[in-house]
């Protein structure tokens, strides 16, 4: 118990000697960070256009299948899944949204 208390005191003493450097986040730095991430994950010069709806929802356009079928979706950064309405769906929401037709895609594979 005595060793843990000593370690805690020493850790606190050392933590107080770490210099802190504050740098201002400018629009230019923020844009540079965004460009770097887009280049890293999308390839140089490619960008994702984000449409802002009243600062409440953001939309992006995605293409799915071969040949590509385009959809406007709300990106879910907390999930690796992309959900689209199916062309074989007959519920009311499917009547009012674009639907994915797997019969028009040569790259479609059923997952069971």
PDB file of N, CA and C in Angstrom:
ATOM      1  N   UNK A   1       0.828  -1.189   0.000  1.00  0.00           N
ATOM      2  CA  UNK A   1       0.000   0.000   0.000  1.00  0.00           C
ATOM      3  C   UNK A   1       0.870   1.249   0.000  1.00  0.00           C
ATOM      4  N   UNK A   2       1.975   1.194   0.783  1.00  0.00           N
ATOM      5  CA  UNK A   2       2.877   2.328   0.889  1.00  0.00           C
ATOM      6  C   UNK A   2       3.536   2.617  -0.472  1.00  0.00           C
ATOM      7  N   UNK A   3       3.887   1.539  -1.222  1.00  0.00           N
ATOM      8  CA  UNK A   3       4.520   1.702  -2.534  1.00  0.00           C
ATOM      9  C   UNK A   3       3.555   2.365  -3.522  1.00  0.00           C
ATOM     10  N   UNK A   4       2.280   2.006  -3.461  1.00  0.00           N
ATOM     11  CA  UNK A   4       1.289   2.595  -4.364  1.00  0.00           C
ATOM     12  C   UNK A   4       1.116   4.079  -4.088  1.00  0.00           C
ATOM     13  N   UNK A   5       1.107   4.454  -2.822  1.00  0.00           N
ATOM     14  CA  UNK A   5       0.978   5.867  -2.453  1.00  0.00           C
ATOM     15  C   UNK A   5       2.195   6.658  -2.913  1.00  0.00           C
ATOM     16  N   UNK A   6       3.377   6.065  -2.765  1.00  0.00           N
ATOM     17  CA  UNK A   6       4.611   6.728  -3.200  1.00  0.00           C
ATOM     18  C   UNK A   6       4.603   6.915  -4.712  1.00  0.00           C
ATOM     19  N   UNK A   7       4.173   5.885  -5.444  1.00  0.00           N
ATOM     20  CA  UNK A   7       4.098   5.961  -6.911  1.00  0.00           C
ATOM     21  C   UNK A   7       3.112   7.044  -7.342  1.00  0.00           C
ATOM     22  N   UNK A   8       1.997   7.141  -6.643  1.00  0.00           N
ATOM     23  CA  UNK A   8       0.996   8.152  -6.977  1.00  0.00           C
ATOM     24  C   UNK A   8       1.543   9.556  -6.769  1.00  0.00           C
ATOM     25  N   UNK A   9       2.262   9.760  -5.678  1.00  0.00           N
ATOM     26  CA  UNK A   9       2.844  11.076  -5.384  1.00  0.00           C
ATOM     27  C   UNK A   9       3.907  11.420  -6.419  1.00  0.00           C
ATOM     28  N   UNK A  10       4.791  10.462  -6.731  1.00  0.00           N
ATOM     29  CA  UNK A  10       5.830  10.706  -7.723  1.00  0.00           C
ATOM     30  C   UNK A  10       5.224  10.969  -9.107  1.00  0.00           C
ATOM     31  N   UNK A  11       4.197  10.207  -9.446  1.00  0.00           N
ATOM     32  CA  UNK A  11       3.527  10.416 -10.731  1.00  0.00           C
ATOM     33  C   UNK A  11       2.929  11.800 -10.827  1.00  0.00           C
ATOM     34  N   UNK A  12       2.335  12.266  -9.746  1.00  0.00           N
ATOM     35  CA  UNK A  12       1.751  13.604  -9.725  1.00  0.00           C
ATOM     36  C   UNK A  12       2.836  14.663  -9.852  1.00  0.00           C
ATOM     37  N   UNK A  13       3.967  14.450  -9.179  1.00  0.00           N
ATOM     38  CA  UNK A  13       5.072  15.413  -9.239  1.00  0.00           C
ATOM     39  C   UNK A  13       5.626  15.509 -10.650  1.00  0.00           C
ATOM     40  N   UNK A  14       5.793  14.373 -11.316  1.00  0.00           N
ATOM     41  CA  UNK A  14       6.319  14.380 -12.683  1.00  0.00           C
ATOM     42  C   UNK A  14       5.300  14.969 -13.652  1.00  0.00           C
ATOM     43  N   UNK A  15       4.015  14.686 -13.440  1.00  0.00           N
ATOM     44  CA  UNK A  15       2.985  15.196 -14.339  1.00  0.00           C
ATOM     45  C   UNK A  15       2.955  16.718 -14.337  1.00  0.00           C
ATOM     46  N   UNK A  16       3.302  17.338 -13.204  1.00  0.00           N
ATOM     47  CA  UNK A  16       3.313  18.785 -13.112  1.00  0.00           C
ATOM     48  C   UNK A  16       4.445  19.433 -13.898  1.00  0.00           C
ATOM     49  N   UNK A  17       5.414  18.660 -14.360  1.00  0.00           N
ATOM     50  CA  UNK A  17       6.565  19.207 -15.063  1.00  0.00           C
ATOM     51  C   UNK A  17       6.480  19.030 -16.574  1.00  0.00           C
ATOM     52  N   UNK A  18       5.365  18.549 -17.068  1.00  0.00           N
ATOM     53  CA  UNK A  18       5.200  18.377 -18.507  1.00  0.00           C
ATOM     54  C   UNK A  18       4.757  19.711 -19.110  1.00  0.00           C
ATOM     55  N   UNK A  19       5.538  20.254 -20.030  1.00  0.00           N
ATOM     56  CA  UNK A  19       5.143  21.543 -20.619  1.00  0.00           C
ATOM     57  C   UNK A  19       3.923  21.375 -21.539  1.00  0.00           C
ATOM     58  N   UNK A  20       3.010  22.287 -21.466  1.00  0.00           N
ATOM     59  CA  UNK A  20       1.818  22.275 -22.304  1.00  0.00           C
ATOM     60  C   UNK A  20       1.967  23.349 -23.374  1.00  0.00           C
ATOM     61  N   UNK A  21       1.717  22.985 -24.600  1.00  0.00           N
ATOM     62  CA  UNK A  21       1.828  23.933 -25.705  1.00  0.00           C
ATOM     63  C   UNK A  21       0.462  24.024 -26.375  1.00  0.00           C
ATOM     64  N   UNK A  22      -0.080  25.207 -26.411  1.00  0.00           N
ATOM     65  CA  UNK A  22      -1.388  25.415 -27.029  1.00  0.00           C
ATOM     66  C   UNK A  22      -1.190  26.043 -28.400  1.00  0.00           C
ATOM     67  N   UNK A  23      -1.838  25.453 -29.392  1.00  0.00           N
ATOM     68  CA  UNK A  23      -1.828  26.046 -30.732  1.00  0.00           C
ATOM     69  C   UNK A  23      -3.266  26.323 -31.138  1.00  0.00           C
ATOM     70  N   UNK A  24      -3.457  27.415 -31.799  1.00  0.00           N
ATOM     71  CA  UNK A  24      -4.794  27.790 -32.238  1.00  0.00           C
ATOM     72  C   UNK A  24      -5.209  26.945 -33.439  1.00  0.00           C
ATOM     73  N   UNK A  25      -6.442  26.501 -33.451  1.00  0.00           N
ATOM     74  CA  UNK A  25      -6.979  25.752 -34.583  1.00  0.00           C
ATOM     75  C   UNK A  25      -7.623  26.756 -35.541  1.00  0.00           C
ATOM     76  N   UNK A  26      -6.959  26.967 -36.651  1.00  0.00           N
ATOM     77  CA  UNK A  26      -7.463  27.911 -37.644  1.00  0.00           C
ATOM     78  C   UNK A  26      -8.238  27.163 -38.720  1.00  0.00           C
ATOM     79  N   UNK A  27      -8.971  27.900 -39.511  1.00  0.00           N
ATOM     80  CA  UNK A  27      -9.707  27.307 -40.629  1.00  0.00           C
ATOM     81  C   UNK A  27      -8.744  26.610 -41.579  1.00  0.00           C
ATOM     82  N   UNK A  28      -7.580  27.192 -41.797  1.00  0.00           N
ATOM     83  CA  UNK A  28      -6.589  26.609 -42.698  1.00  0.00           C
ATOM     84  C   UNK A  28      -6.081  25.267 -42.164  1.00  0.00           C
ATOM     85  N   UNK A  29      -5.815  25.190 -40.852  1.00  0.00           N
ATOM     86  CA  UNK A  29      -5.356  23.933 -40.256  1.00  0.00           C
ATOM     87  C   UNK A  29      -6.453  22.871 -40.315  1.00  0.00           C
ATOM     88  N   UNK A  30      -7.676  23.278 -40.038  1.00  0.00           N
ATOM     89  CA  UNK A  30      -8.797  22.346 -40.082  1.00  0.00           C
ATOM     90  C   UNK A  30      -8.999  21.814 -41.503  1.00  0.00           C
ATOM     91  N   UNK A  31      -8.940  22.708 -42.490  1.00  0.00           N
ATOM     92  CA  UNK A  31      -9.086  22.293 -43.884  1.00  0.00           C
ATOM     93  C   UNK A  31      -7.946  21.358 -44.277  1.00  0.00           C
ATOM     94  N   UNK A  32      -6.733  21.649 -43.799  1.00  0.00           N
ATOM     95  CA  UNK A  32      -5.592  20.779 -44.074  1.00  0.00           C
ATOM     96  C   UNK A  32      -5.782  19.384 -43.500  1.00  0.00           C
ATOM     97  N   UNK A  33      -6.332  19.296 -42.277  1.00  0.00           N
ATOM     98  CA  UNK A  33      -6.595  17.996 -41.658  1.00  0.00           C
ATOM     99  C   UNK A  33      -7.660  17.233 -42.451  1.00  0.00           C
ATOM    100  N   UNK A  34      -8.704  17.925 -42.864  1.00  0.00           N
ATOM    101  CA  UNK A  34      -9.761  17.279 -43.645  1.00  0.00           C
ATOM    102  C   UNK A  34      -9.219  16.783 -44.982  1.00  0.00           C
ATOM    103  N   UNK A  35      -8.420  17.601 -45.654  1.00  0.00           N
ATOM    104  CA  UNK A  35      -7.829  17.199 -46.928  1.00  0.00           C
ATOM    105  C   UNK A  35      -6.931  15.979 -46.745  1.00  0.00           C
ATOM    106  N   UNK A  36      -6.132  15.981 -45.672  1.00  0.00           N
ATOM    107  CA  UNK A  36      -5.237  14.855 -45.401  1.00  0.00           C
ATOM    108  C   UNK A  36      -6.031  13.558 -45.211  1.00  0.00           C
ATOM    109  N   UNK A  37      -7.099  13.600 -44.409  1.00  0.00           N
ATOM    110  CA  UNK A  37      -7.897  12.400 -44.164  1.00  0.00           C
ATOM    111  C   UNK A  37      -8.601  11.920 -45.427  1.00  0.00           C
ATOM    112  N   UNK A  38      -9.124  12.851 -46.226  1.00  0.00           N
ATOM    113  CA  UNK A  38      -9.786  12.442 -47.461  1.00  0.00           C
ATOM    114  C   UNK A  38      -8.785  11.835 -48.430  1.00  0.00           C
ATOM    115  N   UNK A  39      -7.592  12.420 -48.527  1.00  0.00           N
ATOM    116  CA  UNK A  39      -6.553  11.864 -49.396  1.00  0.00           C
ATOM    117  C   UNK A  39      -6.140  10.471 -48.915  1.00  0.00           C
ATOM    118  N   UNK A  40      -6.042  10.313 -47.601  1.00  0.00           N
ATOM    119  CA  UNK A  40      -5.604   9.037 -47.028  1.00  0.00           C
ATOM    120  C   UNK A  40      -6.625   7.931 -47.296  1.00  0.00           C
ATOM    121  N   UNK A  41      -7.900   8.216 -47.117  1.00  0.00           N
ATOM    122  CA  UNK A  41      -8.909   7.175 -47.206  1.00  0.00           C
ATOM    123  C   UNK A  41      -9.611   7.098 -48.560  1.00  0.00           C
ATOM    124  N   UNK A  42      -9.611   8.167 -49.332  1.00  0.00           N
ATOM    125  CA  UNK A  42     -10.306   8.163 -50.614  1.00  0.00           C
ATOM    126  C   UNK A  42      -9.358   8.207 -51.802  1.00  0.00           C
ATOM    127  N   UNK A  43      -8.148   8.626 -51.573  1.00  0.00           N
ATOM    128  CA  UNK A  43      -7.209   8.816 -52.677  1.00  0.00           C
ATOM    129  C   UNK A  43      -7.031  10.303 -52.932  1.00  0.00           C
ATOM    130  N   UNK A  44      -5.875  10.674 -53.424  1.00  0.00           N
ATOM    131  CA  UNK A  44      -5.552  12.090 -53.631  1.00  0.00           C
ATOM    132  C   UNK A  44      -6.552  12.766 -54.555  1.00  0.00           C
ATOM    133  N   UNK A  45      -7.009  13.920 -54.148  1.00  0.00           N
ATOM    134  CA  UNK A  45      -7.879  14.736 -54.978  1.00  0.00           C
ATOM    135  C   UNK A  45      -9.356  14.352 -54.944  1.00  0.00           C
ATOM    136  N   UNK A  46      -9.724  13.267 -54.257  1.00  0.00           N
ATOM    137  CA  UNK A  46     -11.132  12.862 -54.192  1.00  0.00           C
ATOM    138  C   UNK A  46     -11.747  13.374 -52.901  1.00  0.00           C
ATOM    139  N   UNK A  47     -12.969  13.865 -52.988  1.00  0.00           N
ATOM    140  CA  UNK A  47     -13.646  14.400 -51.812  1.00  0.00           C
ATOM    141  C   UNK A  47     -15.091  13.922 -51.797  1.00  0.00           C
ATOM    142  N   UNK A  48     -15.654  13.850 -50.609  1.00  0.00           N
ATOM    143  CA  UNK A  48     -17.056  13.501 -50.452  1.00  0.00           C
ATOM    144  C   UNK A  48     -17.833  14.796 -50.242  1.00  0.00           C
ATOM    145  N   UNK A  49     -18.802  15.035 -51.086  1.00  0.00           N
ATOM    146  CA  UNK A  49     -19.643  16.215 -50.930  1.00  0.00           C
ATOM    147  C   UNK A  49     -20.692  15.922 -49.855  1.00  0.00           C
ATOM    148  N   UNK A  50     -20.757  16.789 -48.846  1.00  0.00           N
ATOM    149  CA  UNK A  50     -21.709  16.629 -47.758  1.00  0.00           C
ATOM    150  C   UNK A  50     -22.743  17.740 -47.870  1.00  0.00           C
ATOM    151  N   UNK A  51     -24.020  17.342 -47.906  1.00  0.00           N
ATOM    152  CA  UNK A  51     -25.113  18.316 -47.965  1.00  0.00           C
ATOM    153  C   UNK A  51     -25.674  18.502 -46.562  1.00  0.00           C
ATOM    154  N   UNK A  52     -25.761  19.745 -46.126  1.00  0.00           N
ATOM    155  CA  UNK A  52     -26.230  20.097 -44.792  1.00  0.00           C
ATOM    156  C   UNK A  52     -27.707  20.472 -44.862  1.00  0.00           C
ATOM    157  N   UNK A  53     -28.540  19.815 -44.045  1.00  0.00           N
ATOM    158  CA  UNK A  53     -29.950  20.159 -43.954  1.00  0.00           C
ATOM    159  C   UNK A  53     -30.204  20.772 -42.588  1.00  0.00           C
ATOM    160  N   UNK A  54     -30.191  22.091 -42.511  1.00  0.00           N
ATOM    161  CA  UNK A  54     -30.534  22.859 -41.313  1.00  0.00           C
ATOM    162  C   UNK A  54     -29.708  22.461 -40.083  1.00  0.00           C
ATOM    163  N   UNK A  55     -28.449  22.073 -40.280  1.00  0.00           N
ATOM    164  CA  UNK A  55     -27.569  21.637 -39.190  1.00  0.00           C
ATOM    165  C   UNK A  55     -28.182  20.512 -38.359  1.00  0.00           C
ATOM    166  N   UNK A  56     -29.118  19.777 -38.920  1.00  0.00           N
ATOM    167  CA  UNK A  56     -29.771  18.686 -38.201  1.00  0.00           C
ATOM    168  C   UNK A  56     -29.428  17.331 -38.808  1.00  0.00           C
ATOM    169  N   UNK A  57     -29.282  17.297 -40.120  1.00  0.00           N
ATOM    170  CA  UNK A  57     -28.936  16.066 -40.809  1.00  0.00           C
ATOM    171  C   UNK A  57     -27.980  16.388 -41.936  1.00  0.00           C
ATOM    172  N   UNK A  58     -27.115  15.443 -42.195  1.00  0.00           N
ATOM    173  CA  UNK A  58     -26.148  15.590 -43.276  1.00  0.00           C
ATOM    174  C   UNK A  58     -26.317  14.422 -44.233  1.00  0.00           C
ATOM    175  N   UNK A  59     -26.223  14.698 -45.517  1.00  0.00           N
ATOM    176  CA  UNK A  59     -26.438  13.690 -46.538  1.00  0.00           C
ATOM    177  C   UNK A  59     -25.217  13.583 -47.439  1.00  0.00           C
ATOM    178  N   UNK A  60     -24.959  12.354 -47.916  1.00  0.00           N
ATOM    179  CA  UNK A  60     -23.935  12.130 -48.928  1.00  0.00           C
ATOM    180  C   UNK A  60     -24.538  11.277 -50.028  1.00  0.00           C
ATOM    181  N   UNK A  61     -23.926  11.332 -51.193  1.00  0.00           N
ATOM    182  CA  UNK A  61     -24.376  10.494 -52.299  1.00  0.00           C
ATOM    183  C   UNK A  61     -23.445   9.301 -52.410  1.00  0.00           C
ATOM    184  N   UNK A  62     -24.023   8.099 -52.512  1.00  0.00           N
ATOM    185  CA  UNK A  62     -23.233   6.883 -52.676  1.00  0.00           C
ATOM    186  C   UNK A  62     -23.701   6.155 -53.929  1.00  0.00           C
ATOM    187  N   UNK A  63     -22.794   5.378 -54.490  1.00  0.00           N
ATOM    188  CA  UNK A  63     -23.110   4.531 -55.635  1.00  0.00           C
ATOM    189  C   UNK A  63     -22.917   3.094 -55.221  1.00  0.00           C
ATOM    190  N   UNK A  64     -23.899   2.241 -55.546  1.00  0.00           N
ATOM    191  CA  UNK A  64     -23.864   0.837 -55.143  1.00  0.00           C
ATOM    192  C   UNK A  64     -24.138  -0.036 -56.354  1.00  0.00           C
ATOM    193  N   UNK A  65     -23.345  -1.095 -56.509  1.00  0.00           N
ATOM    194  CA  UNK A  65     -23.578  -2.080 -57.562  1.00  0.00           C
ATOM    195  C   UNK A  65     -22.851  -1.763 -58.849  1.00  0.00           C
ATOM    196  N   UNK A  66     -22.996  -2.703 -59.809  1.00  0.00           N
ATOM    197  CA  UNK A  66     -22.386  -2.578 -61.129  1.00  0.00           C
ATOM    198  C   UNK A  66     -23.439  -2.918 -62.173  1.00  0.00           C
ATOM    199  N   UNK A  67     -23.867  -1.978 -62.971  1.00  0.00           N
ATOM    200  CA  UNK A  67     -23.483  -0.563 -62.982  1.00  0.00           C
ATOM    201  C   UNK A  67     -24.026   0.155 -61.744  1.00  0.00           C
ATOM    202  N   UNK A  68     -23.446   1.296 -61.457  1.00  0.00           N
ATOM    203  CA  UNK A  68     -23.750   2.020 -60.220  1.00  0.00           C
ATOM    204  C   UNK A  68     -25.202   2.492 -60.166  1.00  0.00           C
ATOM    205  N   UNK A  69     -25.808   2.303 -58.994  1.00  0.00           N
ATOM    206  CA  UNK A  69     -27.114   2.873 -58.676  1.00  0.00           C
ATOM    207  C   UNK A  69     -26.855   3.916 -57.584  1.00  0.00           C
ATOM    208  N   UNK A  70     -27.293   5.146 -57.811  1.00  0.00           N
ATOM    209  CA  UNK A  70     -26.983   6.246 -56.896  1.00  0.00           C
ATOM    210  C   UNK A  70     -28.090   6.446 -55.866  1.00  0.00           C
ATOM    211  N   UNK A  71     -27.633   6.754 -54.632  1.00  0.00           N
ATOM    212  CA  UNK A  71     -28.552   6.995 -53.526  1.00  0.00           C
ATOM    213  C   UNK A  71     -28.039   8.147 -52.680  1.00  0.00           C
ATOM    214  N   UNK A  72     -28.949   8.920 -52.113  1.00  0.00           N
ATOM    215  CA  UNK A  72     -28.613   9.941 -51.140  1.00  0.00           C
ATOM    216  C   UNK A  72     -28.931   9.345 -49.777  1.00  0.00           C
ATOM    217  N   UNK A  73     -27.906   9.292 -48.891  1.00  0.00           N
ATOM    218  CA  UNK A  73     -28.070   8.642 -47.596  1.00  0.00           C
ATOM    219  C   UNK A  73     -27.545   9.534 -46.479  1.00  0.00           C
ATOM    220  N   UNK A  74     -27.961   9.225 -45.259  1.00  0.00           N
ATOM    221  CA  UNK A  74     -27.423   9.857 -44.060  1.00  0.00           C
ATOM    222  C   UNK A  74     -26.265   8.975 -43.611  1.00  0.00           C
ATOM    223  N   UNK A  75     -25.025   9.500 -43.598  1.00  0.00           N
ATOM    224  CA  UNK A  75     -23.891   8.652 -43.201  1.00  0.00           C
ATOM    225  C   UNK A  75     -23.955   8.328 -41.710  1.00  0.00           C
ATOM    226  N   UNK A  76     -23.761   7.066 -41.386  1.00  0.00           N
ATOM    227  CA  UNK A  76     -23.751   6.608 -39.999  1.00  0.00           C
ATOM    228  C   UNK A  76     -22.315   6.268 -39.645  1.00  0.00           C
ATOM    229  N   UNK A  77     -21.635   7.178 -38.978  1.00  0.00           N
ATOM    230  CA  UNK A  77     -20.220   6.963 -38.661  1.00  0.00           C
ATOM    231  C   UNK A  77     -20.027   5.956 -37.538  1.00  0.00           C
ATOM    232  N   UNK A  78     -21.111   5.542 -36.897  1.00  0.00           N
ATOM    233  CA  UNK A  78     -21.001   4.570 -35.812  1.00  0.00           C
ATOM    234  C   UNK A  78     -21.286   3.150 -36.265  1.00  0.00           C
ATOM    235  N   UNK A  79     -21.369   2.930 -37.573  1.00  0.00           N
ATOM    236  CA  UNK A  79     -21.705   1.604 -38.076  1.00  0.00           C
ATOM    237  C   UNK A  79     -20.931   1.323 -39.353  1.00  0.00           C
ATOM    238  N   UNK A  80     -20.666   0.058 -39.606  1.00  0.00           N
ATOM    239  CA  UNK A  80     -20.015  -0.321 -40.861  1.00  0.00           C
ATOM    240  C   UNK A  80     -21.046  -0.784 -41.886  1.00  0.00           C
ATOM    241  N   UNK A  81     -22.314  -0.746 -41.532  1.00  0.00           N
ATOM    242  CA  UNK A  81     -23.379  -1.204 -42.429  1.00  0.00           C
ATOM    243  C   UNK A  81     -23.992  -0.047 -43.202  1.00  0.00           C
ATOM    244  N   UNK A  82     -24.372  -0.332 -44.434  1.00  0.00           N
ATOM    245  CA  UNK A  82     -25.123   0.619 -45.255  1.00  0.00           C
ATOM    246  C   UNK A  82     -26.456  -0.025 -45.576  1.00  0.00           C
ATOM    247  N   UNK A  83     -27.535   0.623 -45.185  1.00  0.00           N
ATOM    248  CA  UNK A  83     -28.870   0.089 -45.427  1.00  0.00           C
ATOM    249  C   UNK A  83     -29.549   0.897 -46.523  1.00  0.00           C
ATOM    250  N   UNK A  84     -30.131   0.194 -47.489  1.00  0.00           N
ATOM    251  CA  UNK A  84     -30.884   0.817 -48.577  1.00  0.00           C
ATOM    252  C   UNK A  84     -32.244   0.145 -48.670  1.00  0.00           C
ATOM    253  N   UNK A  85     -33.223   0.877 -49.190  1.00  0.00           N
ATOM    254  CA  UNK A  85     -34.524   0.262 -49.441  1.00  0.00           C
ATOM    255  C   UNK A  85     -34.395  -0.659 -50.649  1.00  0.00           C
ATOM    256  N   UNK A  86     -35.048  -1.810 -50.573  1.00  0.00           N
ATOM    257  CA  UNK A  86     -34.972  -2.802 -51.640  1.00  0.00           C
ATOM    258  C   UNK A  86     -36.075  -2.566 -52.669  1.00  0.00           C
ATOM    259  N   UNK A  87     -35.756  -2.862 -53.925  1.00  0.00           N
ATOM    260  CA  UNK A  87     -36.743  -2.752 -55.004  1.00  0.00           C
ATOM    261  C   UNK A  87     -37.885  -3.756 -54.814  1.00  0.00           C
ATOM    262  N   UNK A  88     -37.626  -4.830 -54.082  1.00  0.00           N
ATOM    263  CA  UNK A  88     -38.672  -5.830 -53.841  1.00  0.00           C
ATOM    264  C   UNK A  88     -39.515  -5.515 -52.607  1.00  0.00           C
ATOM    265  N   UNK A  89     -39.258  -4.391 -51.960  1.00  0.00           N
ATOM    266  CA  UNK A  89     -40.017  -3.965 -50.780  1.00  0.00           C
ATOM    267  C   UNK A  89     -41.343  -3.338 -51.211  1.00  0.00           C
ATOM    268  N   UNK A  90     -42.405  -3.637 -50.466  1.00  0.00           N
ATOM    269  CA  UNK A  90     -43.723  -3.090 -50.806  1.00  0.00           C
ATOM    270  C   UNK A  90     -44.330  -2.260 -49.683  1.00  0.00           C
ATOM    271  N   UNK A  91     -43.547  -1.876 -48.673  1.00  0.00           N
ATOM    272  CA  UNK A  91     -44.085  -1.026 -47.602  1.00  0.00           C
ATOM    273  C   UNK A  91     -44.088   0.437 -48.066  1.00  0.00           C
ATOM    274  N   UNK A  92     -44.851   1.264 -47.382  1.00  0.00           N
ATOM    275  CA  UNK A  92     -45.031   2.663 -47.774  1.00  0.00           C
ATOM    276  C   UNK A  92     -43.707   3.427 -47.895  1.00  0.00           C
ATOM    277  N   UNK A  93     -42.755   3.307 -46.943  1.00  0.00           N
ATOM    278  CA  UNK A  93     -41.502   4.054 -47.106  1.00  0.00           C
ATOM    279  C   UNK A  93     -40.769   3.716 -48.404  1.00  0.00           C
ATOM    280  N   UNK A  94     -40.879   2.486 -48.861  1.00  0.00           N
ATOM    281  CA  UNK A  94     -40.202   2.076 -50.096  1.00  0.00           C
ATOM    282  C   UNK A  94     -40.825   2.739 -51.328  1.00  0.00           C
ATOM    283  N   UNK A  95     -42.067   3.169 -51.212  1.00  0.00           N
ATOM    284  CA  UNK A  95     -42.726   3.842 -52.339  1.00  0.00           C
ATOM    285  C   UNK A  95     -42.213   5.266 -52.502  1.00  0.00           C
ATOM    286  N   UNK A  96     -41.685   5.852 -51.424  1.00  0.00           N
ATOM    287  CA  UNK A  96     -41.299   7.266 -51.456  1.00  0.00           C
ATOM    288  C   UNK A  96     -39.788   7.487 -51.477  1.00  0.00           C
ATOM    289  N   UNK A  97     -39.005   6.414 -51.545  1.00  0.00           N
ATOM    290  CA  UNK A  97     -37.549   6.523 -51.579  1.00  0.00           C
ATOM    291  C   UNK A  97     -36.980   5.752 -52.767  1.00  0.00           C
ATOM    292  N   UNK A  98     -35.781   6.108 -53.152  1.00  0.00           N
ATOM    293  CA  UNK A  98     -35.086   5.345 -54.184  1.00  0.00           C
ATOM    294  C   UNK A  98     -34.819   3.945 -53.645  1.00  0.00           C
ATOM    295  N   UNK A  99     -34.913   2.940 -54.509  1.00  0.00           N
ATOM    296  CA  UNK A  99     -34.714   1.564 -54.077  1.00  0.00           C
ATOM    297  C   UNK A  99     -33.600   0.894 -54.881  1.00  0.00           C
ATOM    298  N   UNK A 100     -32.906  -0.035 -54.234  1.00  0.00           N
ATOM    299  CA  UNK A 100     -31.825  -0.779 -54.867  1.00  0.00           C
ATOM    300  C   UNK A 100     -32.409  -2.008 -55.548  1.00  0.00           C
ATOM    301  N   UNK A 101     -32.121  -2.158 -56.833  1.00  0.00           N
ATOM    302  CA  UNK A 101     -32.609  -3.309 -57.598  1.00  0.00           C
ATOM    303  C   UNK A 101     -31.447  -4.252 -57.852  1.00  0.00           C
ATOM    304  N   UNK A 102     -31.386  -5.329 -57.077  1.00  0.00           N
ATOM    305  CA  UNK A 102     -30.259  -6.255 -57.199  1.00  0.00           C
ATOM    306  C   UNK A 102     -30.220  -6.958 -58.557  1.00  0.00           C
ATOM    307  N   UNK A 103     -31.359  -7.018 -59.244  1.00  0.00           N
ATOM    308  CA  UNK A 103     -31.399  -7.665 -60.564  1.00  0.00           C
ATOM    309  C   UNK A 103     -30.665  -6.848 -61.625  1.00  0.00           C
ATOM    310  N   UNK A 104     -30.435  -5.562 -61.347  1.00  0.00           N
ATOM    311  CA  UNK A 104     -29.727  -4.696 -62.289  1.00  0.00           C
ATOM    312  C   UNK A 104     -28.221  -4.637 -62.009  1.00  0.00           C
ATOM    313  N   UNK A 105     -27.766  -5.399 -61.019  1.00  0.00           N
ATOM    314  CA  UNK A 105     -26.349  -5.337 -60.624  1.00  0.00           C
ATOM    315  C   UNK A 105     -25.653  -6.671 -60.882  1.00  0.00           C
ATOM    316  N   UNK A 106     -24.585  -6.626 -61.659  1.00  0.00           N
ATOM    317  CA  UNK A 106     -23.805  -7.838 -61.933  1.00  0.00           C
ATOM    318  C   UNK A 106     -22.905  -8.207 -60.756  1.00  0.00           C
ATOM    319  N   UNK A 107     -22.698  -7.300 -59.811  1.00  0.00           N
ATOM    320  CA  UNK A 107     -21.822  -7.581 -58.666  1.00  0.00           C
ATOM    321  C   UNK A 107     -22.595  -7.978 -57.423  1.00  0.00           C
ATOM    322  N   UNK A 108     -23.922  -8.092 -57.499  1.00  0.00           N
ATOM    323  CA  UNK A 108     -24.748  -8.447 -56.346  1.00  0.00           C
ATOM    324  C   UNK A 108     -24.510  -9.906 -55.936  1.00  0.00           C
ATOM    325  N   UNK A 109     -24.388 -10.123 -54.618  1.00  0.00           N
ATOM    326  CA  UNK A 109     -24.273 -11.472 -54.071  1.00  0.00           C
ATOM    327  C   UNK A 109     -25.202 -11.565 -52.875  1.00  0.00           C
ATOM    328  N   UNK A 110     -26.097 -12.522 -52.885  1.00  0.00           N
ATOM    329  CA  UNK A 110     -27.014 -12.724 -51.743  1.00  0.00           C
ATOM    330  C   UNK A 110     -26.220 -13.206 -50.544  1.00  0.00           C
ATOM    331  N   UNK A 111     -26.580 -12.712 -49.348  1.00  0.00           N
ATOM    332  CA  UNK A 111     -25.867 -13.146 -48.144  1.00  0.00           C
ATOM    333  C   UNK A 111     -26.701 -14.082 -47.282  1.00  0.00           C
ATOM    334  N   UNK A 112     -27.875 -14.443 -47.763  1.00  0.00           N
ATOM    335  CA  UNK A 112     -28.695 -15.408 -47.015  1.00  0.00           C
ATOM    336  C   UNK A 112     -29.499 -14.748 -45.943  1.00  0.00           C
TER     337      UNK A 112
END
